[in-house]
Amino acid sequence: MRAKDVLGRRGEDLAAGFLESLGMRVVDRNWRCRDGEIDIVALDGDALVIAEVKTRKSLDYGHPFEAVDAEKLARLHRLAAAWCRDHELRMPLRRVDVIAVLDDGIGQPAVEHLRGVG
């Protein structure tokens, strides 16, 4: 596995644990369809949460949140609808959250969470 993939997997594991520490229930991870992938699907009370995780070693190329633009958000909303269709669920409350993980491999990783983006 490439170092980038290992870093990304570690970031997703940290993000899933973080969401669970907030009382959310992770119900799916790395769900794929022809239109893309959802990193984490969770339930927060009655709301379906589609969580996009961005993991970086440093801020050299900008903050991880900066990697989620309007086009990516639109794709995540389409993927949320596709996930619901695929699982035959009606979830009127849906939101996209973004989780940034900064992990230099030396110190404690930093996790930041933006709720209800776009």
C-alpha atoms as a PDB file:
ATOM      1  CA  MET A   1       0.000   0.000   0.000  1.00  0.00           C
ATOM      2  CA  ARG A   2       1.337   3.428  -0.928  1.00  0.00           C
ATOM      3  CA  ALA A   3       2.257   5.902   1.824  1.00  0.00           C
ATOM      4  CA  LYS A   4      -0.512   8.238   0.617  1.00  0.00           C
ATOM      5  CA  ASP A   5      -3.068   5.429   0.922  1.00  0.00           C
ATOM      6  CA  VAL A   6      -1.838   4.535   4.417  1.00  0.00           C
ATOM      7  CA  LEU A   7      -2.142   8.186   5.478  1.00  0.00           C
ATOM      8  CA  GLY A   8      -5.640   8.440   4.001  1.00  0.00           C
ATOM      9  CA  ARG A   9      -6.790   5.226   5.679  1.00  0.00           C
ATOM     10  CA  ARG A  10      -5.408   6.396   9.032  1.00  0.00           C
ATOM     11  CA  GLY A  11      -7.214   9.726   8.610  1.00  0.00           C
ATOM     12  CA  GLU A  12     -10.500   7.974   7.839  1.00  0.00           C
ATOM     13  CA  ASP A  13     -10.077   5.698  10.872  1.00  0.00           C
ATOM     14  CA  LEU A  14      -9.439   8.734  13.090  1.00  0.00           C
ATOM     15  CA  ALA A  15     -12.420  10.577  11.581  1.00  0.00           C
ATOM     16  CA  ALA A  16     -14.756   7.616  12.128  1.00  0.00           C
ATOM     17  CA  GLY A  17     -13.658   7.375  15.761  1.00  0.00           C
ATOM     18  CA  PHE A  18     -14.113  11.116  16.162  1.00  0.00           C
ATOM     19  CA  LEU A  19     -17.678  10.984  14.837  1.00  0.00           C
ATOM     20  CA  GLU A  20     -18.464   8.074  17.135  1.00  0.00           C
ATOM     21  CA  SER A  21     -17.071  10.058  20.085  1.00  0.00           C
ATOM     22  CA  LEU A  22     -19.679  12.718  19.235  1.00  0.00           C
ATOM     23  CA  GLY A  23     -22.426  10.109  19.546  1.00  0.00           C
ATOM     24  CA  MET A  24     -22.879   9.433  15.835  1.00  0.00           C
ATOM     25  CA  ARG A  25     -23.237   5.891  14.497  1.00  0.00           C
ATOM     26  CA  VAL A  26     -21.030   5.036  11.530  1.00  0.00           C
ATOM     27  CA  VAL A  27     -23.084   2.832   9.195  1.00  0.00           C
ATOM     28  CA  ASP A  28     -20.890   2.635   6.096  1.00  0.00           C
ATOM     29  CA  ARG A  29     -17.367   3.432   4.962  1.00  0.00           C
ATOM     30  CA  ASN A  30     -15.792   3.802   1.541  1.00  0.00           C
ATOM     31  CA  TRP A  31     -19.078   3.230  -0.278  1.00  0.00           C
ATOM     32  CA  ARG A  32     -18.596   3.391  -4.028  1.00  0.00           C
ATOM     33  CA  CYS A  33     -20.802   3.712  -7.057  1.00  0.00           C
ATOM     34  CA  ARG A  34     -20.134   4.765 -10.637  1.00  0.00           C
ATOM     35  CA  ASP A  35     -20.313   8.450  -9.655  1.00  0.00           C
ATOM     36  CA  GLY A  36     -17.730   8.357  -6.872  1.00  0.00           C
ATOM     37  CA  GLU A  37     -17.064   7.392  -3.278  1.00  0.00           C
ATOM     38  CA  ILE A  38     -18.340   8.400   0.136  1.00  0.00           C
ATOM     39  CA  ASP A  39     -15.686   8.176   2.852  1.00  0.00           C
ATOM     40  CA  ILE A  40     -18.052   7.808   5.827  1.00  0.00           C
ATOM     41  CA  VAL A  41     -21.823   7.511   6.176  1.00  0.00           C
ATOM     42  CA  ALA A  42     -23.112   8.109   9.698  1.00  0.00           C
ATOM     43  CA  LEU A  43     -26.347   8.710  11.547  1.00  0.00           C
ATOM     44  CA  ASP A  44     -26.607  11.730  13.831  1.00  0.00           C
ATOM     45  CA  GLY A  45     -29.999  11.334  15.450  1.00  0.00           C
ATOM     46  CA  ASP A  46     -32.473  11.519  12.548  1.00  0.00           C
ATOM     47  CA  ALA A  47     -29.922  12.980  10.138  1.00  0.00           C
ATOM     48  CA  LEU A  48     -27.874  11.097   7.583  1.00  0.00           C
ATOM     49  CA  VAL A  49     -24.331  12.460   7.563  1.00  0.00           C
ATOM     50  CA  ILE A  50     -22.069  12.108   4.556  1.00  0.00           C
ATOM     51  CA  ALA A  51     -18.565  12.793   5.824  1.00  0.00           C
ATOM     52  CA  GLU A  52     -15.738  13.706   3.489  1.00  0.00           C
ATOM     53  CA  VAL A  53     -12.338  13.170   5.080  1.00  0.00           C
ATOM     54  CA  LYS A  54      -9.271  15.081   3.949  1.00  0.00           C
ATOM     55  CA  THR A  55      -5.966  14.060   5.501  1.00  0.00           C
ATOM     56  CA  ARG A  56      -2.682  15.901   5.100  1.00  0.00           C
ATOM     57  CA  LYS A  57       0.793  15.656   6.628  1.00  0.00           C
ATOM     58  CA  SER A  58       1.164  19.433   6.760  1.00  0.00           C
ATOM     59  CA  LEU A  59      -0.367  22.698   5.638  1.00  0.00           C
ATOM     60  CA  ASP A  60       2.259  23.113   2.886  1.00  0.00           C
ATOM     61  CA  TYR A  61      -0.394  22.798   0.182  1.00  0.00           C
ATOM     62  CA  GLY A  62      -3.169  24.544   2.092  1.00  0.00           C
ATOM     63  CA  HIS A  63      -5.650  23.452   4.710  1.00  0.00           C
ATOM     64  CA  PRO A  64      -7.460  20.171   3.994  1.00  0.00           C
ATOM     65  CA  PHE A  65     -10.819  21.991   4.013  1.00  0.00           C
ATOM     66  CA  GLU A  66      -9.682  23.933   0.951  1.00  0.00           C
ATOM     67  CA  ALA A  67      -9.751  20.710  -1.099  1.00  0.00           C
ATOM     68  CA  VAL A  68     -13.549  20.550  -0.842  1.00  0.00           C
ATOM     69  CA  ASP A  69     -14.904  22.976  -3.424  1.00  0.00           C
ATOM     70  CA  ALA A  70     -18.417  23.595  -4.766  1.00  0.00           C
ATOM     71  CA  GLU A  71     -18.051  20.845  -7.387  1.00  0.00           C
ATOM     72  CA  LYS A  72     -16.991  18.292  -4.768  1.00  0.00           C
ATOM     73  CA  LEU A  73     -19.891  19.318  -2.501  1.00  0.00           C
ATOM     74  CA  ALA A  74     -22.390  18.919  -5.335  1.00  0.00           C
ATOM     75  CA  ARG A  75     -20.982  15.434  -6.043  1.00  0.00           C
ATOM     76  CA  LEU A  76     -21.282  14.499  -2.344  1.00  0.00           C
ATOM     77  CA  HIS A  77     -24.941  15.556  -2.307  1.00  0.00           C
ATOM     78  CA  ARG A  78     -25.591  13.405  -5.404  1.00  0.00           C
ATOM     79  CA  LEU A  79     -23.750  10.508  -3.774  1.00  0.00           C
ATOM     80  CA  ALA A  80     -25.870  10.895  -0.621  1.00  0.00           C
ATOM     81  CA  ALA A  81     -29.021  10.529  -2.711  1.00  0.00           C
ATOM     82  CA  ALA A  82     -27.522   7.504  -4.497  1.00  0.00           C
ATOM     83  CA  TRP A  83     -26.568   5.894  -1.176  1.00  0.00           C
ATOM     84  CA  CYS A  84     -30.147   6.322   0.072  1.00  0.00           C
ATOM     85  CA  ARG A  85     -31.554   4.797  -3.139  1.00  0.00           C
ATOM     86  CA  ASP A  86     -29.106   1.911  -2.973  1.00  0.00           C
ATOM     87  CA  HIS A  87     -30.058   1.199   0.652  1.00  0.00           C
ATOM     88  CA  GLU A  88     -33.773   1.867   0.071  1.00  0.00           C
ATOM     89  CA  LEU A  89     -33.868   4.499   2.799  1.00  0.00           C
ATOM     90  CA  ARG A  90     -35.761   7.743   2.972  1.00  0.00           C
ATOM     91  CA  MET A  91     -33.681  10.209   4.931  1.00  0.00           C
ATOM     92  CA  PRO A  92     -35.252  13.658   4.668  1.00  0.00           C
ATOM     93  CA  LEU A  93     -32.543  15.112   6.917  1.00  0.00           C
ATOM     94  CA  ARG A  94     -29.195  14.852   5.166  1.00  0.00           C
ATOM     95  CA  ARG A  95     -26.048  16.870   5.510  1.00  0.00           C
ATOM     96  CA  VAL A  96     -22.457  16.874   4.339  1.00  0.00           C
ATOM     97  CA  ASP A  97     -19.737  17.248   6.954  1.00  0.00           C
ATOM     98  CA  VAL A  98     -16.047  17.667   6.216  1.00  0.00           C
ATOM     99  CA  ILE A  99     -13.354  16.363   8.526  1.00  0.00           C
ATOM    100  CA  ALA A 100      -9.775  17.578   8.244  1.00  0.00           C
ATOM    101  CA  VAL A 101      -7.015  15.455   9.723  1.00  0.00           C
ATOM    102  CA  LEU A 102      -3.481  16.805  10.064  1.00  0.00           C
ATOM    103  CA  ASP A 103      -1.122  13.920  10.785  1.00  0.00           C
ATOM    104  CA  ASP A 104       2.626  14.396  10.429  1.00  0.00           C
ATOM    105  CA  GLY A 105       3.271  10.891  11.752  1.00  0.00           C
ATOM    106  CA  ILE A 106       5.163  12.250  14.756  1.00  0.00           C
ATOM    107  CA  GLY A 107       2.794  14.024  17.109  1.00  0.00           C
ATOM    108  CA  GLN A 108      -0.853  13.597  17.983  1.00  0.00           C
ATOM    109  CA  PRO A 109      -3.019  14.045  14.850  1.00  0.00           C
ATOM    110  CA  ALA A 110      -5.307  17.085  14.822  1.00  0.00           C
ATOM    111  CA  VAL A 111      -8.938  16.546  13.802  1.00  0.00           C
ATOM    112  CA  GLU A 112     -11.235  19.412  12.760  1.00  0.00           C
ATOM    113  CA  HIS A 113     -14.911  19.024  11.884  1.00  0.00           C
ATOM    114  CA  LEU A 114     -17.186  21.251   9.816  1.00  0.00           C
ATOM    115  CA  ARG A 115     -20.878  20.353  10.096  1.00  0.00           C
ATOM    116  CA  GLY A 116     -23.404  20.988   7.373  1.00  0.00           C
ATOM    117  CA  VAL A 117     -21.099  22.279   4.652  1.00  0.00           C
ATOM    118  CA  GLY A 118     -22.808  23.582   1.515  1.00  0.00           C
END
